[in-house]
Amino acid sequence: MPAPSIQDRLNDPVVQYVHQDYARVLNTDTVAEALQRVQQSQIRSRIVYFYVVDAEDRLCGVLPTRQLLLQPPSKPVAELMIRRVISLPQTATLLEALELFMFHRLLAFPVVDAEGRIVGIIDVDIFTKELTDLAQAEESDDIFQILGVHLRELRQASPLGAFARRLPWLLCNIGGGLACALLGALFQETLDRLVVLALFIPVVLALAESVSMQSLSLTLPLHEPWVMNWRKWLRLLRQEALVGAMLGVGCGTIVAAAAWAWQWSGRLALTLLASIGLSVAWAAMLGLSMPIALRTFQRDPKVASGPLSLALVDMTTLVFYLALASWLLP
């Protein structure tokens, strides 16, 4: 009789698939003591991560291999470990474990009980027959590409389930559209007085939405091990803000020139240039930040980032455009 496939085991408790053969060190150890403890543990499986526990086996952190090998022997492990560790509760299912592997692209996760004690480790190898030893694979991303295909197939297996997962995020678009209609009503006097403003709303919104989606597509492939690397995020945010500002000024100049040639209105051209420049720069930063924010809250950025980003970009862009028009145009 053939063994059950992953599809047949998705609702199994994850604790059925954990193992105890992993590297653990105590939070009271020094680097030298931690190395000695690992050497004496006679671990037979490959060592992926070094988990730090207390005397009661509660998970305290994870110790990067580089720190363990390069720090002075007398250095306390507690000063080197990363305290925020992505873990699975023992009540999780195999499907939830698969989703966590996809979101964070780590090779293993600790499974903990309600008190934070490690009950075992679940390894990514449980999900694939194609790659049994990631250390020998040319690129570890291959495994996640395979898992991604399987996960998409599983999620699409039930139309009703896919509908239930995706509809709530699409409600963001509905809410954003209704909010934009309300904003338009708030600036009704300005639109009635300057009907030409309404003619440029589609192009202003389209530019901001397009840049937001560009930034979003660049951010989705990123994955941060263990915790958010805020320094890297800030560097990327500054870079994307600069690119967005340049795109905004470039696109805004073209649209403003067309508006000036059509309406012979310098103030209308200035309004378009300023609003497009501001909204496109903002949209670039929002597109970069949304997937990272959703990953922080362990939500699927591939499903939720687009609707949330578009709704927020549309509302803020309309506010920028109409507020500047009310201020700059007589």
C-alpha atoms as a PDB file:
ATOM      1  CA  MET A   1       0.000   0.000   0.000  1.00  0.00           C
ATOM      2  CA  PRO A   2       1.537   3.360  -1.002  1.00  0.00           C
ATOM      3  CA  ALA A   3       2.465   5.835   1.709  1.00  0.00           C
ATOM      4  CA  PRO A   4       0.062   8.770   2.124  1.00  0.00           C
ATOM      5  CA  SER A   5       1.032  11.868   0.144  1.00  0.00           C
ATOM      6  CA  ILE A   6       1.521  15.313   1.600  1.00  0.00           C
ATOM      7  CA  GLN A   7      -1.981  16.214   0.402  1.00  0.00           C
ATOM      8  CA  ASP A   8      -3.432  13.392   2.488  1.00  0.00           C
ATOM      9  CA  ARG A   9      -1.565  14.487   5.617  1.00  0.00           C
ATOM     10  CA  LEU A  10      -2.159  18.253   5.638  1.00  0.00           C
ATOM     11  CA  ASN A  11      -4.497  18.200   8.629  1.00  0.00           C
ATOM     12  CA  ASP A  12      -2.238  15.941  10.702  1.00  0.00           C
ATOM     13  CA  PRO A  13      -0.821  17.492  13.888  1.00  0.00           C
ATOM     14  CA  VAL A  14       2.665  18.787  13.254  1.00  0.00           C
ATOM     15  CA  VAL A  15       3.937  17.012  16.385  1.00  0.00           C
ATOM     16  CA  GLN A  16       3.664  13.724  14.508  1.00  0.00           C
ATOM     17  CA  TYR A  17       6.528  14.799  12.258  1.00  0.00           C
ATOM     18  CA  VAL A  18       9.001  16.437  14.643  1.00  0.00           C
ATOM     19  CA  HIS A  19      12.329  14.937  15.623  1.00  0.00           C
ATOM     20  CA  GLN A  20      14.565  15.368  18.655  1.00  0.00           C
ATOM     21  CA  ASP A  21      17.923  15.131  16.914  1.00  0.00           C
ATOM     22  CA  TYR A  22      18.891  18.809  16.909  1.00  0.00           C
ATOM     23  CA  ALA A  23      21.600  21.043  18.340  1.00  0.00           C
ATOM     24  CA  ARG A  24      20.673  22.682  21.610  1.00  0.00           C
ATOM     25  CA  VAL A  25      22.746  24.779  23.990  1.00  0.00           C
ATOM     26  CA  LEU A  26      21.908  26.372  27.327  1.00  0.00           C
ATOM     27  CA  ASN A  27      21.385  30.085  27.782  1.00  0.00           C
ATOM     28  CA  THR A  28      23.894  29.946  30.636  1.00  0.00           C
ATOM     29  CA  ASP A  29      26.648  28.489  28.423  1.00  0.00           C
ATOM     30  CA  THR A  30      29.671  30.308  27.152  1.00  0.00           C
ATOM     31  CA  VAL A  31      30.755  29.814  23.547  1.00  0.00           C
ATOM     32  CA  ALA A  32      33.288  27.186  24.641  1.00  0.00           C
ATOM     33  CA  GLU A  33      30.703  25.320  26.713  1.00  0.00           C
ATOM     34  CA  ALA A  34      28.182  25.473  23.878  1.00  0.00           C
ATOM     35  CA  LEU A  35      30.673  23.990  21.410  1.00  0.00           C
ATOM     36  CA  GLN A  36      31.560  21.239  23.867  1.00  0.00           C
ATOM     37  CA  ARG A  37      27.871  20.504  24.490  1.00  0.00           C
ATOM     38  CA  VAL A  38      27.194  20.170  20.760  1.00  0.00           C
ATOM     39  CA  GLN A  39      30.233  17.927  20.259  1.00  0.00           C
ATOM     40  CA  GLN A  40      29.113  15.633  23.080  1.00  0.00           C
ATOM     41  CA  SER A  41      25.503  15.424  21.895  1.00  0.00           C
ATOM     42  CA  GLN A  42      26.436  13.089  18.999  1.00  0.00           C
ATOM     43  CA  ILE A  43      23.831  14.514  16.660  1.00  0.00           C
ATOM     44  CA  ARG A  44      23.334  12.212  13.670  1.00  0.00           C
ATOM     45  CA  SER A  45      21.234  14.464  11.460  1.00  0.00           C
ATOM     46  CA  ARG A  46      22.559  17.574   9.788  1.00  0.00           C
ATOM     47  CA  ILE A  47      22.800  20.628  12.020  1.00  0.00           C
ATOM     48  CA  VAL A  48      20.703  23.457  10.626  1.00  0.00           C
ATOM     49  CA  TYR A  49      20.360  25.850  13.568  1.00  0.00           C
ATOM     50  CA  PHE A  50      21.608  26.006  17.159  1.00  0.00           C
ATOM     51  CA  TYR A  51      18.665  26.467  19.517  1.00  0.00           C
ATOM     52  CA  VAL A  52      19.189  28.085  22.918  1.00  0.00           C
ATOM     53  CA  VAL A  53      17.089  26.756  25.804  1.00  0.00           C
ATOM     54  CA  ASP A  54      16.952  27.299  29.550  1.00  0.00           C
ATOM     55  CA  ALA A  55      17.213  24.662  32.275  1.00  0.00           C
ATOM     56  CA  GLU A  56      13.548  23.694  31.738  1.00  0.00           C
ATOM     57  CA  ASP A  57      14.007  23.326  27.979  1.00  0.00           C
ATOM     58  CA  ARG A  58      12.088  26.515  27.187  1.00  0.00           C
ATOM     59  CA  LEU A  59      13.127  28.127  23.929  1.00  0.00           C
ATOM     60  CA  CYS A  60      15.132  31.298  24.565  1.00  0.00           C
ATOM     61  CA  GLY A  61      16.633  32.061  21.171  1.00  0.00           C
ATOM     62  CA  VAL A  62      18.711  30.838  18.283  1.00  0.00           C
ATOM     63  CA  LEU A  63      22.467  31.102  17.975  1.00  0.00           C
ATOM     64  CA  PRO A  64      23.901  31.963  14.550  1.00  0.00           C
ATOM     65  CA  THR A  65      26.648  29.584  13.479  1.00  0.00           C
ATOM     66  CA  ARG A  66      28.956  32.478  12.657  1.00  0.00           C
ATOM     67  CA  GLN A  67      28.686  33.806  16.194  1.00  0.00           C
ATOM     68  CA  LEU A  68      29.348  30.412  17.708  1.00  0.00           C
ATOM     69  CA  LEU A  69      32.482  29.852  15.638  1.00  0.00           C
ATOM     70  CA  LEU A  70      34.029  33.322  15.616  1.00  0.00           C
ATOM     71  CA  GLN A  71      33.337  34.756  19.071  1.00  0.00           C
ATOM     72  CA  PRO A  72      35.776  34.399  21.994  1.00  0.00           C
ATOM     73  CA  PRO A  73      35.335  31.151  23.976  1.00  0.00           C
ATOM     74  CA  SER A  74      34.413  33.065  27.136  1.00  0.00           C
ATOM     75  CA  LYS A  75      31.605  35.020  25.483  1.00  0.00           C
ATOM     76  CA  PRO A  76      28.183  34.191  27.001  1.00  0.00           C
ATOM     77  CA  VAL A  77      25.705  32.627  24.596  1.00  0.00           C
ATOM     78  CA  ALA A  78      22.938  34.837  26.013  1.00  0.00           C
ATOM     79  CA  GLU A  79      24.694  37.904  24.601  1.00  0.00           C
ATOM     80  CA  LEU A  80      24.966  36.412  21.111  1.00  0.00           C
ATOM     81  CA  MET A  81      21.650  34.680  20.574  1.00  0.00           C
ATOM     82  CA  ILE A  82      18.735  36.109  18.608  1.00  0.00           C
ATOM     83  CA  ARG A  83      15.850  36.194  21.035  1.00  0.00           C
ATOM     84  CA  ARG A  84      12.897  36.449  18.665  1.00  0.00           C
ATOM     85  CA  VAL A  85      12.552  33.035  17.080  1.00  0.00           C
ATOM     86  CA  ILE A  86       9.898  31.981  14.598  1.00  0.00           C
ATOM     87  CA  SER A  87       8.326  28.835  16.019  1.00  0.00           C
ATOM     88  CA  LEU A  88       5.268  26.637  15.592  1.00  0.00           C
ATOM     89  CA  PRO A  89       2.815  25.791  18.381  1.00  0.00           C
ATOM     90  CA  GLN A  90       2.344  22.092  18.967  1.00  0.00           C
ATOM     91  CA  THR A  91      -1.329  22.521  18.042  1.00  0.00           C
ATOM     92  CA  ALA A  92      -0.388  23.500  14.468  1.00  0.00           C
ATOM     93  CA  THR A  93      -1.146  21.296  11.481  1.00  0.00           C
ATOM     94  CA  LEU A  94       1.183  20.173   8.731  1.00  0.00           C
ATOM     95  CA  LEU A  95      -0.429  22.700   6.364  1.00  0.00           C
ATOM     96  CA  GLU A  96       0.351  25.545   8.764  1.00  0.00           C
ATOM     97  CA  ALA A  97       3.943  24.350   8.926  1.00  0.00           C
ATOM     98  CA  LEU A  98       4.120  24.321   5.135  1.00  0.00           C
ATOM     99  CA  GLU A  99       2.825  27.902   4.987  1.00  0.00           C
ATOM    100  CA  LEU A 100       5.419  29.009   7.548  1.00  0.00           C
ATOM    101  CA  PHE A 101       8.210  27.452   5.489  1.00  0.00           C
ATOM    102  CA  MET A 102       6.931  29.325   2.445  1.00  0.00           C
ATOM    103  CA  PHE A 103       6.650  32.678   4.207  1.00  0.00           C
ATOM    104  CA  HIS A 104      10.051  32.634   5.917  1.00  0.00           C
ATOM    105  CA  ARG A 105      12.086  30.205   3.799  1.00  0.00           C
ATOM    106  CA  LEU A 106      13.925  28.680   6.724  1.00  0.00           C
ATOM    107  CA  LEU A 107      15.102  25.087   6.726  1.00  0.00           C
ATOM    108  CA  ALA A 108      13.639  24.092  10.095  1.00  0.00           C
ATOM    109  CA  PHE A 109      11.342  25.394  12.811  1.00  0.00           C
ATOM    110  CA  PRO A 110      11.133  24.551  16.510  1.00  0.00           C
ATOM    111  CA  VAL A 111       7.751  23.301  17.704  1.00  0.00           C
ATOM    112  CA  VAL A 112       6.893  24.500  21.213  1.00  0.00           C
ATOM    113  CA  ASP A 113       4.187  23.794  23.776  1.00  0.00           C
ATOM    114  CA  ALA A 114       2.075  26.369  25.598  1.00  0.00           C
ATOM    115  CA  GLU A 115       4.906  27.073  28.071  1.00  0.00           C
ATOM    116  CA  GLY A 116       7.449  27.609  25.305  1.00  0.00           C
ATOM    117  CA  ARG A 117       9.277  24.298  25.778  1.00  0.00           C
ATOM    118  CA  ILE A 118      10.641  22.683  22.639  1.00  0.00           C
ATOM    119  CA  VAL A 119       8.800  19.461  21.817  1.00  0.00           C
ATOM    120  CA  GLY A 120      10.802  18.868  18.650  1.00  0.00           C
ATOM    121  CA  ILE A 121      12.018  20.243  15.342  1.00  0.00           C
ATOM    122  CA  ILE A 122      10.215  20.016  12.008  1.00  0.00           C
ATOM    123  CA  ASP A 123      12.503  19.931   9.016  1.00  0.00           C
ATOM    124  CA  VAL A 124      11.721  21.085   5.493  1.00  0.00           C
ATOM    125  CA  ASP A 125      12.672  17.634   4.208  1.00  0.00           C
ATOM    126  CA  ILE A 126       9.296  16.347   5.340  1.00  0.00           C
ATOM    127  CA  PHE A 127       7.681  18.122   2.392  1.00  0.00           C
ATOM    128  CA  THR A 128       9.676  16.852  -0.523  1.00  0.00           C
ATOM    129  CA  LYS A 129      10.770  13.692  -2.224  1.00  0.00           C
ATOM    130  CA  GLU A 130      12.729  15.608  -4.852  1.00  0.00           C
ATOM    131  CA  LEU A 131      15.407  16.948  -2.491  1.00  0.00           C
ATOM    132  CA  THR A 132      16.449  14.888   0.491  1.00  0.00           C
ATOM    133  CA  ASP A 133      19.632  16.741   1.360  1.00  0.00           C
ATOM    134  CA  LEU A 134      19.516  20.519   1.027  1.00  0.00           C
ATOM    135  CA  ALA A 135      23.212  20.810   1.792  1.00  0.00           C
ATOM    136  CA  GLN A 136      23.969  19.063  -1.502  1.00  0.00           C
ATOM    137  CA  ALA A 137      21.508  21.107  -3.572  1.00  0.00           C
ATOM    138  CA  GLU A 138      22.943  23.762  -5.837  1.00  0.00           C
ATOM    139  CA  GLU A 139      20.395  26.296  -4.621  1.00  0.00           C
ATOM    140  CA  SER A 140      18.251  25.873  -1.544  1.00  0.00           C
ATOM    141  CA  ASP A 141      15.574  28.046  -3.200  1.00  0.00           C
ATOM    142  CA  ASP A 142      14.722  25.028  -5.392  1.00  0.00           C
ATOM    143  CA  ILE A 143      12.986  23.396  -2.473  1.00  0.00           C
ATOM    144  CA  PHE A 144      10.839  26.446  -1.819  1.00  0.00           C
ATOM    145  CA  GLN A 145       9.902  26.725  -5.482  1.00  0.00           C
ATOM    146  CA  ILE A 146       8.713  23.114  -5.354  1.00  0.00           C
ATOM    147  CA  LEU A 147       6.828  23.754  -2.127  1.00  0.00           C
ATOM    148  CA  GLY A 148       5.304  26.888  -3.603  1.00  0.00           C
ATOM    149  CA  VAL A 149       3.872  24.932  -6.518  1.00  0.00           C
ATOM    150  CA  HIS A 150       2.424  22.326  -4.171  1.00  0.00           C
ATOM    151  CA  LEU A 151       1.014  24.956  -1.854  1.00  0.00           C
ATOM    152  CA  ARG A 152      -0.696  26.799  -4.697  1.00  0.00           C
ATOM    153  CA  GLU A 153      -2.179  23.538  -5.945  1.00  0.00           C
ATOM    154  CA  LEU A 154      -3.449  22.677  -2.486  1.00  0.00           C
ATOM    155  CA  ARG A 155      -4.971  26.088  -1.967  1.00  0.00           C
ATOM    156  CA  GLN A 156      -6.708  25.913  -5.315  1.00  0.00           C
ATOM    157  CA  ALA A 157      -8.057  22.421  -4.675  1.00  0.00           C
ATOM    158  CA  SER A 158     -11.248  23.783  -3.086  1.00  0.00           C
ATOM    159  CA  PRO A 159     -12.932  26.682  -4.942  1.00  0.00           C
ATOM    160  CA  LEU A 160     -14.961  27.514  -1.843  1.00  0.00           C
ATOM    161  CA  GLY A 161     -11.835  27.578   0.311  1.00  0.00           C
ATOM    162  CA  ALA A 162      -9.994  29.790  -2.178  1.00  0.00           C
ATOM    163  CA  PHE A 163     -13.018  32.103  -2.285  1.00  0.00           C
ATOM    164  CA  ALA A 164     -13.095  32.383   1.506  1.00  0.00           C
ATOM    165  CA  ARG A 165      -9.374  33.141   1.723  1.00  0.00           C
ATOM    166  CA  ARG A 166      -9.264  35.740  -1.040  1.00  0.00           C
ATOM    167  CA  LEU A 167     -12.556  37.611  -0.711  1.00  0.00           C
ATOM    168  CA  PRO A 168     -11.707  39.434   2.571  1.00  0.00           C
ATOM    169  CA  TRP A 169      -8.653  41.025   0.993  1.00  0.00           C
ATOM    170  CA  LEU A 170     -10.605  42.052  -2.101  1.00  0.00           C
ATOM    171  CA  LEU A 171     -12.989  43.872   0.198  1.00  0.00           C
ATOM    172  CA  CYS A 172     -10.076  46.274   0.697  1.00  0.00           C
ATOM    173  CA  ASN A 173     -10.520  47.336  -2.927  1.00  0.00           C
ATOM    174  CA  ILE A 174     -14.232  47.860  -2.408  1.00  0.00           C
ATOM    175  CA  GLY A 175     -13.595  49.834   0.761  1.00  0.00           C
ATOM    176  CA  GLY A 176     -10.882  51.857  -0.950  1.00  0.00           C
ATOM    177  CA  GLY A 177     -13.164  52.674  -3.874  1.00  0.00           C
ATOM    178  CA  LEU A 178     -15.968  53.785  -1.572  1.00  0.00           C
ATOM    179  CA  ALA A 179     -13.507  55.853   0.458  1.00  0.00           C
ATOM    180  CA  CYS A 180     -12.308  57.540  -2.746  1.00  0.00           C
ATOM    181  CA  ALA A 181     -15.918  58.343  -3.623  1.00  0.00           C
ATOM    182  CA  LEU A 182     -16.335  59.909  -0.181  1.00  0.00           C
ATOM    183  CA  LEU A 183     -13.149  61.915  -0.634  1.00  0.00           C
ATOM    184  CA  GLY A 184     -14.434  63.129  -3.979  1.00  0.00           C
ATOM    185  CA  ALA A 185     -17.597  64.299  -2.248  1.00  0.00           C
ATOM    186  CA  LEU A 186     -15.550  66.196   0.344  1.00  0.00           C
ATOM    187  CA  PHE A 187     -13.812  68.079  -2.480  1.00  0.00           C
ATOM    188  CA  GLN A 188     -17.033  68.447  -4.490  1.00  0.00           C
ATOM    189  CA  GLU A 189     -16.794  72.246  -4.541  1.00  0.00           C
ATOM    190  CA  THR A 190     -13.293  72.122  -5.993  1.00  0.00           C
ATOM    191  CA  LEU A 191     -14.300  69.571  -8.638  1.00  0.00           C
ATOM    192  CA  ASP A 192     -17.419  71.569  -9.566  1.00  0.00           C
ATOM    193  CA  ARG A 193     -15.333  74.708  -9.944  1.00  0.00           C
ATOM    194  CA  LEU A 194     -12.497  73.024 -11.834  1.00  0.00           C
ATOM    195  CA  VAL A 195     -14.008  70.206 -13.864  1.00  0.00           C
ATOM    196  CA  VAL A 196     -10.684  69.702 -15.652  1.00  0.00           C
ATOM    197  CA  LEU A 197      -9.267  68.176 -12.437  1.00  0.00           C
ATOM    198  CA  ALA A 198     -11.523  65.147 -12.862  1.00  0.00           C
ATOM    199  CA  LEU A 199     -10.054  64.495 -16.299  1.00  0.00           C
ATOM    200  CA  PHE A 200      -6.614  63.876 -14.815  1.00  0.00           C
ATOM    201  CA  ILE A 201      -7.688  61.682 -11.858  1.00  0.00           C
ATOM    202  CA  PRO A 202      -7.312  58.385 -13.810  1.00  0.00           C
ATOM    203  CA  VAL A 203      -3.739  59.128 -14.891  1.00  0.00           C
ATOM    204  CA  VAL A 204      -2.705  60.318 -11.413  1.00  0.00           C
ATOM    205  CA  LEU A 205      -4.124  57.176  -9.783  1.00  0.00           C
ATOM    206  CA  ALA A 206      -2.745  54.861 -12.478  1.00  0.00           C
ATOM    207  CA  LEU A 207       0.803  56.164 -12.068  1.00  0.00           C
ATOM    208  CA  ALA A 208       0.748  55.735  -8.288  1.00  0.00           C
ATOM    209  CA  GLU A 209      -0.798  52.263  -8.539  1.00  0.00           C
ATOM    210  CA  SER A 210       1.735  51.126 -11.149  1.00  0.00           C
ATOM    211  CA  VAL A 211       4.730  52.245  -9.102  1.00  0.00           C
ATOM    212  CA  SER A 212       3.278  50.648  -5.984  1.00  0.00           C
ATOM    213  CA  MET A 213       2.906  47.328  -7.819  1.00  0.00           C
ATOM    214  CA  GLN A 214       6.464  47.600  -9.167  1.00  0.00           C
ATOM    215  CA  SER A 215       7.846  48.083  -5.655  1.00  0.00           C
ATOM    216  CA  LEU A 216       5.612  45.288  -4.414  1.00  0.00           C
ATOM    217  CA  SER A 217       6.903  42.839  -7.012  1.00  0.00           C
ATOM    218  CA  LEU A 218      10.480  43.670  -6.046  1.00  0.00           C
ATOM    219  CA  THR A 219       9.799  43.132  -2.346  1.00  0.00           C
ATOM    220  CA  LEU A 220       7.813  39.868  -2.426  1.00  0.00           C
ATOM    221  CA  PRO A 221      10.831  37.646  -3.228  1.00  0.00           C
ATOM    222  CA  LEU A 222      12.660  38.988  -0.177  1.00  0.00           C
ATOM    223  CA  HIS A 223      12.734  36.868   2.949  1.00  0.00           C
ATOM    224  CA  GLU A 224      14.268  37.738   6.271  1.00  0.00           C
ATOM    225  CA  PRO A 225      15.629  34.952   8.484  1.00  0.00           C
ATOM    226  CA  TRP A 226      14.598  34.957  12.137  1.00  0.00           C
ATOM    227  CA  VAL A 227      13.709  38.606  12.640  1.00  0.00           C
ATOM    228  CA  MET A 228      13.170  41.714  10.583  1.00  0.00           C
ATOM    229  CA  ASN A 229      16.423  43.309   9.567  1.00  0.00           C
ATOM    230  CA  TRP A 230      15.370  46.898  10.175  1.00  0.00           C
ATOM    231  CA  ARG A 231      18.671  48.332   9.019  1.00  0.00           C
ATOM    232  CA  LYS A 232      18.319  46.605   5.666  1.00  0.00           C
ATOM    233  CA  TRP A 233      14.686  47.647   5.427  1.00  0.00           C
ATOM    234  CA  LEU A 234      15.545  51.296   6.091  1.00  0.00           C
ATOM    235  CA  ARG A 235      18.272  51.173   3.450  1.00  0.00           C
ATOM    236  CA  LEU A 236      15.858  49.697   0.918  1.00  0.00           C
ATOM    237  CA  LEU A 237      13.197  52.215   1.935  1.00  0.00           C
ATOM    238  CA  ARG A 238      15.533  55.168   1.369  1.00  0.00           C
ATOM    239  CA  GLN A 239      16.589  53.752  -1.979  1.00  0.00           C
ATOM    240  CA  GLU A 240      13.011  53.102  -3.080  1.00  0.00           C
ATOM    241  CA  ALA A 241      11.905  56.556  -1.889  1.00  0.00           C
ATOM    242  CA  LEU A 242      14.622  58.142  -4.030  1.00  0.00           C
ATOM    243  CA  VAL A 243      13.664  56.029  -7.051  1.00  0.00           C
ATOM    244  CA  GLY A 244       9.986  56.819  -6.454  1.00  0.00           C
ATOM    245  CA  ALA A 245      10.692  60.526  -6.207  1.00  0.00           C
ATOM    246  CA  MET A 246      12.647  60.431  -9.468  1.00  0.00           C
ATOM    247  CA  LEU A 247       9.857  58.485 -11.178  1.00  0.00           C
ATOM    248  CA  GLY A 248       7.286  60.884  -9.772  1.00  0.00           C
ATOM    249  CA  VAL A 249       9.122  63.965 -10.973  1.00  0.00           C
ATOM    250  CA  GLY A 250       9.731  62.395 -14.389  1.00  0.00           C
ATOM    251  CA  CYS A 251       6.131  61.261 -14.917  1.00  0.00           C
ATOM    252  CA  GLY A 252       4.744  64.399 -13.316  1.00  0.00           C
ATOM    253  CA  THR A 253       6.770  66.578 -15.668  1.00  0.00           C
ATOM    254  CA  ILE A 254       5.385  64.800 -18.723  1.00  0.00           C
ATOM    255  CA  VAL A 255       1.774  64.992 -17.519  1.00  0.00           C
ATOM    256  CA  ALA A 256       2.204  68.604 -16.378  1.00  0.00           C
ATOM    257  CA  ALA A 257       3.639  69.577 -19.758  1.00  0.00           C
ATOM    258  CA  ALA A 258       0.692  67.946 -21.530  1.00  0.00           C
ATOM    259  CA  ALA A 259      -1.768  69.730 -19.212  1.00  0.00           C
ATOM    260  CA  TRP A 260      -0.072  73.093 -19.767  1.00  0.00           C
ATOM    261  CA  ALA A 261      -0.074  72.632 -23.537  1.00  0.00           C
ATOM    262  CA  TRP A 262      -3.761  71.700 -23.416  1.00  0.00           C
ATOM    263  CA  GLN A 263      -5.143  74.142 -20.842  1.00  0.00           C
ATOM    264  CA  TRP A 264      -2.450  76.829 -20.752  1.00  0.00           C
ATOM    265  CA  SER A 265      -2.607  76.793 -16.973  1.00  0.00           C
ATOM    266  CA  GLY A 266       0.658  76.947 -15.066  1.00  0.00           C
ATOM    267  CA  ARG A 267      -1.057  76.292 -11.742  1.00  0.00           C
ATOM    268  CA  LEU A 268      -2.757  73.168 -13.069  1.00  0.00           C
ATOM    269  CA  ALA A 269       0.597  71.953 -14.355  1.00  0.00           C
ATOM    270  CA  LEU A 270       2.206  72.665 -10.978  1.00  0.00           C
ATOM    271  CA  THR A 271      -0.618  70.840  -9.192  1.00  0.00           C
ATOM    272  CA  LEU A 272      -0.131  67.764 -11.353  1.00  0.00           C
ATOM    273  CA  LEU A 273       3.645  67.842 -11.009  1.00  0.00           C
ATOM    274  CA  ALA A 274       3.521  68.163  -7.216  1.00  0.00           C
ATOM    275  CA  SER A 275       0.740  65.622  -6.635  1.00  0.00           C
ATOM    276  CA  ILE A 276       2.210  62.998  -8.972  1.00  0.00           C
ATOM    277  CA  GLY A 277       5.699  63.447  -7.555  1.00  0.00           C
ATOM    278  CA  LEU A 278       4.440  63.125  -3.974  1.00  0.00           C
ATOM    279  CA  SER A 279       2.011  60.262  -4.581  1.00  0.00           C
ATOM    280  CA  VAL A 280       4.442  58.182  -6.660  1.00  0.00           C
ATOM    281  CA  ALA A 281       7.201  58.504  -4.043  1.00  0.00           C
ATOM    282  CA  TRP A 282       4.715  57.515  -1.330  1.00  0.00           C
ATOM    283  CA  ALA A 283       3.400  54.621  -3.425  1.00  0.00           C
ATOM    284  CA  ALA A 284       6.930  53.267  -3.915  1.00  0.00           C
ATOM    285  CA  MET A 285       7.595  53.269  -0.172  1.00  0.00           C
ATOM    286  CA  LEU A 286       4.204  51.719   0.578  1.00  0.00           C
ATOM    287  CA  GLY A 287       4.710  48.980  -2.010  1.00  0.00           C
ATOM    288  CA  LEU A 288       8.045  48.123  -0.408  1.00  0.00           C
ATOM    289  CA  SER A 289       6.721  48.139   3.144  1.00  0.00           C
ATOM    290  CA  MET A 290       3.421  46.286   2.779  1.00  0.00           C
ATOM    291  CA  PRO A 291       4.778  42.732   2.214  1.00  0.00           C
ATOM    292  CA  ILE A 292       7.264  43.161   5.053  1.00  0.00           C
ATOM    293  CA  ALA A 293       4.525  44.364   7.409  1.00  0.00           C
ATOM    294  CA  LEU A 294       2.299  41.430   6.470  1.00  0.00           C
ATOM    295  CA  ARG A 295       5.138  38.943   7.000  1.00  0.00           C
ATOM    296  CA  THR A 296       5.684  40.437  10.448  1.00  0.00           C
ATOM    297  CA  PHE A 297       2.082  39.560  11.308  1.00  0.00           C
ATOM    298  CA  GLN A 298       2.429  36.161   9.572  1.00  0.00           C
ATOM    299  CA  ARG A 299      -0.068  36.945   6.815  1.00  0.00           C
ATOM    300  CA  ASP A 300       0.365  35.848   3.217  1.00  0.00           C
ATOM    301  CA  PRO A 301       1.873  38.858   1.400  1.00  0.00           C
ATOM    302  CA  LYS A 302       1.181  37.354  -2.027  1.00  0.00           C
ATOM    303  CA  VAL A 303      -2.566  37.418  -1.396  1.00  0.00           C
ATOM    304  CA  ALA A 304      -2.967  40.507   0.765  1.00  0.00           C
ATOM    305  CA  SER A 305      -0.285  42.989  -0.336  1.00  0.00           C
ATOM    306  CA  GLY A 306      -1.846  43.958  -3.651  1.00  0.00           C
ATOM    307  CA  PRO A 307      -5.381  44.817  -2.451  1.00  0.00           C
ATOM    308  CA  LEU A 308      -4.140  46.631   0.663  1.00  0.00           C
ATOM    309  CA  SER A 309      -1.506  48.600  -1.204  1.00  0.00           C
ATOM    310  CA  LEU A 310      -3.869  49.643  -3.995  1.00  0.00           C
ATOM    311  CA  ALA A 311      -6.587  50.735  -1.574  1.00  0.00           C
ATOM    312  CA  LEU A 312      -4.188  52.843   0.501  1.00  0.00           C
ATOM    313  CA  VAL A 313      -2.438  54.275  -2.557  1.00  0.00           C
ATOM    314  CA  ASP A 314      -5.724  55.294  -4.189  1.00  0.00           C
ATOM    315  CA  MET A 315      -6.997  57.066  -1.085  1.00  0.00           C
ATOM    316  CA  THR A 316      -3.779  58.923  -0.267  1.00  0.00           C
ATOM    317  CA  THR A 317      -3.139  59.871  -3.895  1.00  0.00           C
ATOM    318  CA  LEU A 318      -6.610  61.357  -4.214  1.00  0.00           C
ATOM    319  CA  VAL A 319      -6.083  63.351  -1.021  1.00  0.00           C
ATOM    320  CA  PHE A 320      -2.726  64.673  -2.280  1.00  0.00           C
ATOM    321  CA  TYR A 321      -4.166  65.622  -5.650  1.00  0.00           C
ATOM    322  CA  LEU A 322      -7.384  67.308  -4.531  1.00  0.00           C
ATOM    323  CA  ALA A 323      -5.860  69.001  -1.491  1.00  0.00           C
ATOM    324  CA  LEU A 324      -3.069  70.508  -3.583  1.00  0.00           C
ATOM    325  CA  ALA A 325      -5.586  71.563  -6.234  1.00  0.00           C
ATOM    326  CA  SER A 326      -7.736  73.301  -3.596  1.00  0.00           C
ATOM    327  CA  TRP A 327      -4.662  75.149  -2.351  1.00  0.00           C
ATOM    328  CA  LEU A 328      -2.917  76.042  -5.613  1.00  0.00           C
ATOM    329  CA  LEU A 329      -5.794  76.673  -8.006  1.00  0.00           C
ATOM    330  CA  PRO A 330      -7.971  79.763  -7.673  1.00  0.00           C
END
